[in-house]
Amino acid sequence: MDIEQLRLYCIQKQAASEQLPFGPETLVFKVGSKIFLLVGLDQIGALSFNVKCDLERAVELREENPQTVFPGYHMNKKHWNTVFANRELDDNKLQELIDHSYDLVRKSLTKKEQAEIQNAE
């Protein structure tokens, strides 16, 4: 997976938007008003990104993939993972992690935001 494939996968999700709220180096994907993925645009070589994760699953992923999944860099390390692409996990598994993050964040939106997304379908 490269950064363009990552971008296309994220932006096709329902109600997803891409923004640069932290400056031109960090691309952020949101559902509603909340972030589900962050990726640095200044990366050379290895691609990594941050995704939200269920607490138990985060620990499990880190233990099973010690060269690929780490506590979230500059994030709440309990609920966010930094994931390196093109190491132990194939693209399908990377997409599953993105989906999981998106779903967690979408479920955490206010009822009003969830209704707005539902009505936009």
N, C-alpha and C. Protein backbone atom coordinates (compact mmCIF):
# COMPACT_ATOMS: atom_id res chain seq x y z
N MET A 1 0.86 -1.18 0.00
CA MET A 1 0.00 0.00 0.00
C MET A 1 0.90 1.24 0.00
N ASP A 2 0.56 2.17 -0.85
CA ASP A 2 1.28 3.44 -0.85
C ASP A 2 0.33 4.54 -0.37
N ILE A 3 0.84 5.75 -0.26
CA ILE A 3 0.05 6.82 0.35
C ILE A 3 -1.17 7.18 -0.50
N GLU A 4 -1.07 7.07 -1.81
CA GLU A 4 -2.22 7.38 -2.65
C GLU A 4 -3.32 6.33 -2.51
N GLN A 5 -2.93 5.07 -2.42
CA GLN A 5 -3.91 4.01 -2.18
C GLN A 5 -4.59 4.20 -0.82
N LEU A 6 -3.80 4.57 0.18
CA LEU A 6 -4.34 4.85 1.51
C LEU A 6 -5.35 5.99 1.44
N ARG A 7 -4.98 7.06 0.78
CA ARG A 7 -5.87 8.22 0.64
C ARG A 7 -7.17 7.85 -0.05
N LEU A 8 -7.08 7.15 -1.16
CA LEU A 8 -8.28 6.76 -1.90
C LEU A 8 -9.18 5.84 -1.08
N TYR A 9 -8.57 4.94 -0.32
CA TYR A 9 -9.37 4.04 0.51
C TYR A 9 -10.13 4.82 1.58
N CYS A 10 -9.46 5.77 2.21
CA CYS A 10 -10.09 6.54 3.29
C CYS A 10 -11.17 7.49 2.77
N ILE A 11 -10.89 8.17 1.70
CA ILE A 11 -11.81 9.22 1.23
C ILE A 11 -13.10 8.63 0.65
N GLN A 12 -13.08 7.37 0.24
CA GLN A 12 -14.30 6.75 -0.31
C GLN A 12 -15.29 6.34 0.76
N LYS A 13 -14.89 6.40 2.01
CA LYS A 13 -15.80 6.03 3.11
C LYS A 13 -16.89 7.08 3.27
N GLN A 14 -18.05 6.62 3.66
CA GLN A 14 -19.19 7.52 3.78
C GLN A 14 -18.90 8.65 4.76
N ALA A 15 -19.17 9.88 4.34
CA ALA A 15 -19.02 11.09 5.14
C ALA A 15 -17.58 11.37 5.54
N ALA A 16 -16.62 10.73 4.87
CA ALA A 16 -15.21 10.99 5.17
C ALA A 16 -14.76 12.28 4.50
N SER A 17 -13.89 12.99 5.20
CA SER A 17 -13.30 14.20 4.63
C SER A 17 -11.81 14.18 4.93
N GLU A 18 -11.05 14.88 4.11
CA GLU A 18 -9.61 15.00 4.34
C GLU A 18 -9.29 16.45 4.61
N GLN A 19 -8.41 16.67 5.58
CA GLN A 19 -8.08 18.02 6.01
C GLN A 19 -6.60 18.08 6.40
N LEU A 20 -6.11 19.30 6.55
CA LEU A 20 -4.74 19.55 7.01
C LEU A 20 -4.77 20.48 8.22
N PRO A 21 -5.44 20.09 9.32
CA PRO A 21 -5.60 20.99 10.46
C PRO A 21 -4.32 21.25 11.26
N PHE A 22 -3.33 20.38 11.11
CA PHE A 22 -2.09 20.51 11.88
C PHE A 22 -0.94 21.04 11.03
N GLY A 23 -1.25 21.53 9.86
CA GLY A 23 -0.23 22.04 8.95
C GLY A 23 -0.10 21.15 7.73
N PRO A 24 0.74 21.57 6.79
CA PRO A 24 0.83 20.87 5.50
C PRO A 24 1.50 19.50 5.54
N GLU A 25 2.06 19.11 6.67
CA GLU A 25 2.77 17.84 6.75
C GLU A 25 1.90 16.67 7.19
N THR A 26 0.70 16.94 7.75
CA THR A 26 -0.12 15.86 8.30
C THR A 26 -1.51 15.87 7.69
N LEU A 27 -1.82 14.81 6.95
CA LEU A 27 -3.13 14.66 6.34
C LEU A 27 -4.02 13.90 7.32
N VAL A 28 -5.19 14.47 7.57
CA VAL A 28 -6.12 13.92 8.55
C VAL A 28 -7.41 13.52 7.83
N PHE A 29 -7.91 12.34 8.16
CA PHE A 29 -9.20 11.89 7.65
C PHE A 29 -10.18 11.85 8.81
N LYS A 30 -11.34 12.44 8.58
CA LYS A 30 -12.37 12.52 9.60
C LYS A 30 -13.66 11.91 9.08
N VAL A 31 -14.46 11.42 10.02
CA VAL A 31 -15.85 11.10 9.75
C VAL A 31 -16.62 12.02 10.68
N GLY A 32 -17.50 12.80 10.12
CA GLY A 32 -18.14 13.84 10.92
C GLY A 32 -17.07 14.80 11.41
N SER A 33 -17.07 15.06 12.70
CA SER A 33 -16.10 16.01 13.26
C SER A 33 -14.90 15.33 13.91
N LYS A 34 -14.79 14.00 13.79
CA LYS A 34 -13.74 13.28 14.51
C LYS A 34 -12.76 12.57 13.57
N ILE A 35 -11.52 12.52 14.01
CA ILE A 35 -10.43 11.91 13.25
C ILE A 35 -10.48 10.39 13.35
N PHE A 36 -10.31 9.73 12.20
CA PHE A 36 -10.16 8.27 12.23
C PHE A 36 -8.81 7.81 11.68
N LEU A 37 -8.05 8.69 11.02
CA LEU A 37 -6.73 8.33 10.52
C LEU A 37 -5.90 9.58 10.31
N LEU A 38 -4.62 9.48 10.64
CA LEU A 38 -3.65 10.54 10.38
C LEU A 38 -2.47 9.93 9.66
N VAL A 39 -1.92 10.66 8.71
CA VAL A 39 -0.74 10.19 7.99
C VAL A 39 0.16 11.39 7.69
N GLY A 40 1.44 11.21 7.92
CA GLY A 40 2.41 12.25 7.61
C GLY A 40 2.71 12.28 6.13
N LEU A 41 2.72 13.47 5.57
CA LEU A 41 2.99 13.60 4.14
C LEU A 41 4.48 13.77 3.85
N ASP A 42 5.27 13.90 4.90
CA ASP A 42 6.70 14.11 4.73
C ASP A 42 7.50 12.81 4.84
N GLN A 43 6.82 11.67 4.78
CA GLN A 43 7.49 10.38 4.92
C GLN A 43 8.26 10.03 3.65
N ILE A 44 9.43 9.51 3.86
CA ILE A 44 10.23 9.02 2.73
C ILE A 44 10.52 7.55 3.01
N GLY A 45 10.22 6.72 2.05
CA GLY A 45 10.47 5.29 2.25
C GLY A 45 9.26 4.60 2.85
N ALA A 46 9.33 4.26 4.11
CA ALA A 46 8.28 3.48 4.78
C ALA A 46 7.06 4.35 5.09
N LEU A 47 5.88 3.85 4.74
CA LEU A 47 4.62 4.53 5.02
C LEU A 47 4.08 4.07 6.36
N SER A 48 3.71 5.02 7.21
CA SER A 48 3.04 4.68 8.47
C SER A 48 1.87 5.63 8.65
N PHE A 49 0.88 5.18 9.43
CA PHE A 49 -0.28 6.01 9.71
C PHE A 49 -0.82 5.65 11.08
N ASN A 50 -1.59 6.55 11.66
CA ASN A 50 -2.21 6.34 12.97
C ASN A 50 -3.69 6.05 12.79
N VAL A 51 -4.17 5.01 13.49
CA VAL A 51 -5.58 4.66 13.49
C VAL A 51 -6.04 4.36 14.91
N LYS A 52 -7.30 4.64 15.16
CA LYS A 52 -7.90 4.35 16.46
C LYS A 52 -8.17 2.85 16.54
N CYS A 53 -8.15 2.33 17.78
CA CYS A 53 -8.33 0.89 17.94
C CYS A 53 -8.93 0.60 19.31
N ASP A 54 -9.76 -0.42 19.36
CA ASP A 54 -10.29 -0.93 20.62
C ASP A 54 -9.11 -1.29 21.51
N LEU A 55 -9.21 -0.98 22.80
CA LEU A 55 -8.10 -1.15 23.74
C LEU A 55 -7.52 -2.56 23.73
N GLU A 56 -8.35 -3.58 23.86
CA GLU A 56 -7.85 -4.96 23.89
C GLU A 56 -7.25 -5.36 22.56
N ARG A 57 -7.90 -4.97 21.50
CA ARG A 57 -7.40 -5.31 20.17
C ARG A 57 -6.07 -4.61 19.89
N ALA A 58 -5.91 -3.38 20.39
CA ALA A 58 -4.66 -2.64 20.19
C ALA A 58 -3.48 -3.40 20.78
N VAL A 59 -3.65 -3.87 22.00
CA VAL A 59 -2.58 -4.62 22.67
C VAL A 59 -2.28 -5.91 21.92
N GLU A 60 -3.32 -6.61 21.51
CA GLU A 60 -3.17 -7.86 20.77
C GLU A 60 -2.42 -7.64 19.45
N LEU A 61 -2.80 -6.61 18.72
CA LEU A 61 -2.14 -6.32 17.44
C LEU A 61 -0.66 -6.01 17.64
N ARG A 62 -0.34 -5.26 18.68
CA ARG A 62 1.06 -4.92 18.95
C ARG A 62 1.88 -6.15 19.28
N GLU A 63 1.28 -7.07 20.04
CA GLU A 63 1.99 -8.30 20.41
C GLU A 63 2.17 -9.22 19.21
N GLU A 64 1.16 -9.32 18.36
CA GLU A 64 1.21 -10.22 17.20
C GLU A 64 2.06 -9.67 16.05
N ASN A 65 2.21 -8.36 15.99
CA ASN A 65 2.91 -7.71 14.87
C ASN A 65 3.94 -6.72 15.39
N PRO A 66 4.99 -7.20 16.08
CA PRO A 66 5.92 -6.30 16.76
C PRO A 66 6.76 -5.42 15.84
N GLN A 67 6.82 -5.74 14.56
CA GLN A 67 7.57 -4.91 13.62
C GLN A 67 6.68 -3.95 12.84
N THR A 68 5.36 -4.00 13.11
CA THR A 68 4.41 -3.26 12.29
C THR A 68 3.49 -2.34 13.08
N VAL A 69 3.03 -2.78 14.25
CA VAL A 69 2.03 -2.04 15.02
C VAL A 69 2.64 -1.59 16.34
N PHE A 70 2.56 -0.27 16.58
CA PHE A 70 3.16 0.35 17.76
C PHE A 70 2.14 1.27 18.43
N PRO A 71 2.36 1.61 19.70
CA PRO A 71 1.50 2.62 20.34
C PRO A 71 1.52 3.90 19.50
N GLY A 72 0.38 4.55 19.40
CA GLY A 72 0.22 5.72 18.54
C GLY A 72 1.20 6.83 18.82
N TYR A 73 1.95 7.20 17.82
CA TYR A 73 2.92 8.29 17.91
C TYR A 73 2.19 9.61 18.07
N HIS A 74 2.49 10.34 19.12
CA HIS A 74 1.84 11.63 19.43
C HIS A 74 0.34 11.50 19.66
N MET A 75 -0.11 10.33 20.09
CA MET A 75 -1.54 10.08 20.30
C MET A 75 -1.73 9.41 21.66
N ASN A 76 -2.99 9.22 22.05
CA ASN A 76 -3.30 8.45 23.23
C ASN A 76 -2.88 7.00 22.95
N LYS A 77 -1.87 6.54 23.63
CA LYS A 77 -1.26 5.26 23.30
C LYS A 77 -2.13 4.06 23.66
N LYS A 78 -3.18 4.27 24.43
CA LYS A 78 -4.09 3.17 24.74
C LYS A 78 -5.04 2.89 23.58
N HIS A 79 -5.43 3.94 22.88
CA HIS A 79 -6.49 3.81 21.88
C HIS A 79 -6.04 4.06 20.44
N TRP A 80 -4.80 4.41 20.24
CA TRP A 80 -4.31 4.69 18.89
C TRP A 80 -3.07 3.86 18.62
N ASN A 81 -2.98 3.35 17.40
CA ASN A 81 -1.81 2.61 16.94
C ASN A 81 -1.17 3.34 15.78
N THR A 82 0.14 3.27 15.73
CA THR A 82 0.88 3.64 14.53
C THR A 82 1.16 2.34 13.80
N VAL A 83 0.76 2.29 12.55
CA VAL A 83 0.86 1.08 11.74
C VAL A 83 1.78 1.37 10.55
N PHE A 84 2.76 0.50 10.34
CA PHE A 84 3.64 0.62 9.19
C PHE A 84 3.13 -0.28 8.08
N ALA A 85 2.93 0.29 6.92
CA ALA A 85 2.48 -0.46 5.75
C ALA A 85 3.66 -1.27 5.20
N ASN A 86 3.32 -2.33 4.48
CA ASN A 86 4.30 -3.12 3.73
C ASN A 86 5.33 -3.81 4.62
N ARG A 87 4.88 -4.24 5.78
CA ARG A 87 5.74 -5.04 6.66
C ARG A 87 5.06 -6.39 6.88
N GLU A 88 4.55 -6.64 8.08
CA GLU A 88 3.95 -7.94 8.41
C GLU A 88 2.51 -8.09 7.92
N LEU A 89 1.83 -7.00 7.69
CA LEU A 89 0.41 -7.05 7.33
C LEU A 89 0.20 -6.73 5.85
N ASP A 90 -0.66 -7.51 5.20
CA ASP A 90 -0.96 -7.23 3.79
C ASP A 90 -1.98 -6.10 3.70
N ASP A 91 -2.26 -5.67 2.50
CA ASP A 91 -3.17 -4.53 2.28
C ASP A 91 -4.57 -4.80 2.83
N ASN A 92 -5.05 -6.04 2.72
CA ASN A 92 -6.38 -6.36 3.25
C ASN A 92 -6.44 -6.15 4.75
N LYS A 93 -5.40 -6.57 5.46
CA LYS A 93 -5.36 -6.39 6.91
C LYS A 93 -5.24 -4.91 7.26
N LEU A 94 -4.46 -4.17 6.50
CA LEU A 94 -4.35 -2.73 6.73
C LEU A 94 -5.72 -2.06 6.54
N GLN A 95 -6.44 -2.48 5.52
CA GLN A 95 -7.78 -1.94 5.29
C GLN A 95 -8.72 -2.30 6.43
N GLU A 96 -8.58 -3.49 6.99
CA GLU A 96 -9.40 -3.88 8.15
C GLU A 96 -9.13 -2.94 9.34
N LEU A 97 -7.87 -2.59 9.55
CA LEU A 97 -7.54 -1.68 10.65
C LEU A 97 -8.12 -0.29 10.41
N ILE A 98 -8.10 0.15 9.17
CA ILE A 98 -8.71 1.44 8.82
C ILE A 98 -10.21 1.37 9.03
N ASP A 99 -10.83 0.29 8.59
CA ASP A 99 -12.28 0.11 8.77
C ASP A 99 -12.65 0.12 10.25
N HIS A 100 -11.86 -0.57 11.05
CA HIS A 100 -12.11 -0.65 12.49
C HIS A 100 -12.05 0.75 13.11
N SER A 101 -11.05 1.52 12.73
CA SER A 101 -10.92 2.88 13.24
C SER A 101 -12.12 3.73 12.82
N TYR A 102 -12.46 3.67 11.55
CA TYR A 102 -13.61 4.42 11.03
C TYR A 102 -14.88 4.06 11.80
N ASP A 103 -15.12 2.76 11.98
CA ASP A 103 -16.34 2.31 12.66
C ASP A 103 -16.37 2.78 14.12
N LEU A 104 -15.24 2.67 14.82
CA LEU A 104 -15.18 3.13 16.22
C LEU A 104 -15.50 4.62 16.32
N VAL A 105 -14.89 5.38 15.44
CA VAL A 105 -15.09 6.84 15.48
C VAL A 105 -16.51 7.19 15.09
N ARG A 106 -17.02 6.57 14.05
CA ARG A 106 -18.39 6.87 13.62
C ARG A 106 -19.40 6.57 14.73
N LYS A 107 -19.22 5.46 15.44
CA LYS A 107 -20.12 5.11 16.54
C LYS A 107 -20.02 6.09 17.70
N SER A 108 -18.90 6.78 17.81
CA SER A 108 -18.71 7.72 18.92
C SER A 108 -19.25 9.12 18.63
N LEU A 109 -19.72 9.34 17.41
CA LEU A 109 -20.28 10.65 17.05
C LEU A 109 -21.57 10.91 17.82
N THR A 110 -21.90 12.17 17.93
CA THR A 110 -23.17 12.51 18.59
C THR A 110 -24.32 11.94 17.76
N LYS A 111 -25.45 11.78 18.39
CA LYS A 111 -26.63 11.28 17.68
C LYS A 111 -26.99 12.20 16.51
N LYS A 112 -26.80 13.48 16.72
CA LYS A 112 -27.11 14.45 15.67
C LYS A 112 -26.21 14.22 14.46
N GLU A 113 -24.90 14.07 14.69
CA GLU A 113 -23.98 13.83 13.58
C GLU A 113 -24.27 12.50 12.89
N GLN A 114 -24.57 11.47 13.68
CA GLN A 114 -24.89 10.17 13.09
C GLN A 114 -26.14 10.27 12.21
N ALA A 115 -27.12 11.01 12.68
CA ALA A 115 -28.36 11.19 11.90
C ALA A 115 -28.08 11.95 10.61
N GLU A 116 -27.22 12.97 10.66
CA GLU A 116 -26.88 13.74 9.47
C GLU A 116 -26.19 12.86 8.44
N ILE A 117 -25.32 11.98 8.89
CA ILE A 117 -24.64 11.05 7.98
C ILE A 117 -25.63 10.06 7.40
N GLN A 118 -26.49 9.55 8.25
CA GLN A 118 -27.50 8.59 7.80
C GLN A 118 -28.42 9.22 6.75
N ASN A 119 -28.81 10.46 6.98
CA ASN A 119 -29.72 11.15 6.05
C ASN A 119 -29.04 11.49 4.73
N ALA A 120 -27.72 11.58 4.74
CA ALA A 120 -26.99 11.91 3.53
C ALA A 120 -26.80 10.70 2.62
N GLU A 121 -27.11 9.50 3.11
CA GLU A 121 -26.92 8.27 2.31
C GLU A 121 -27.81 8.23 1.10
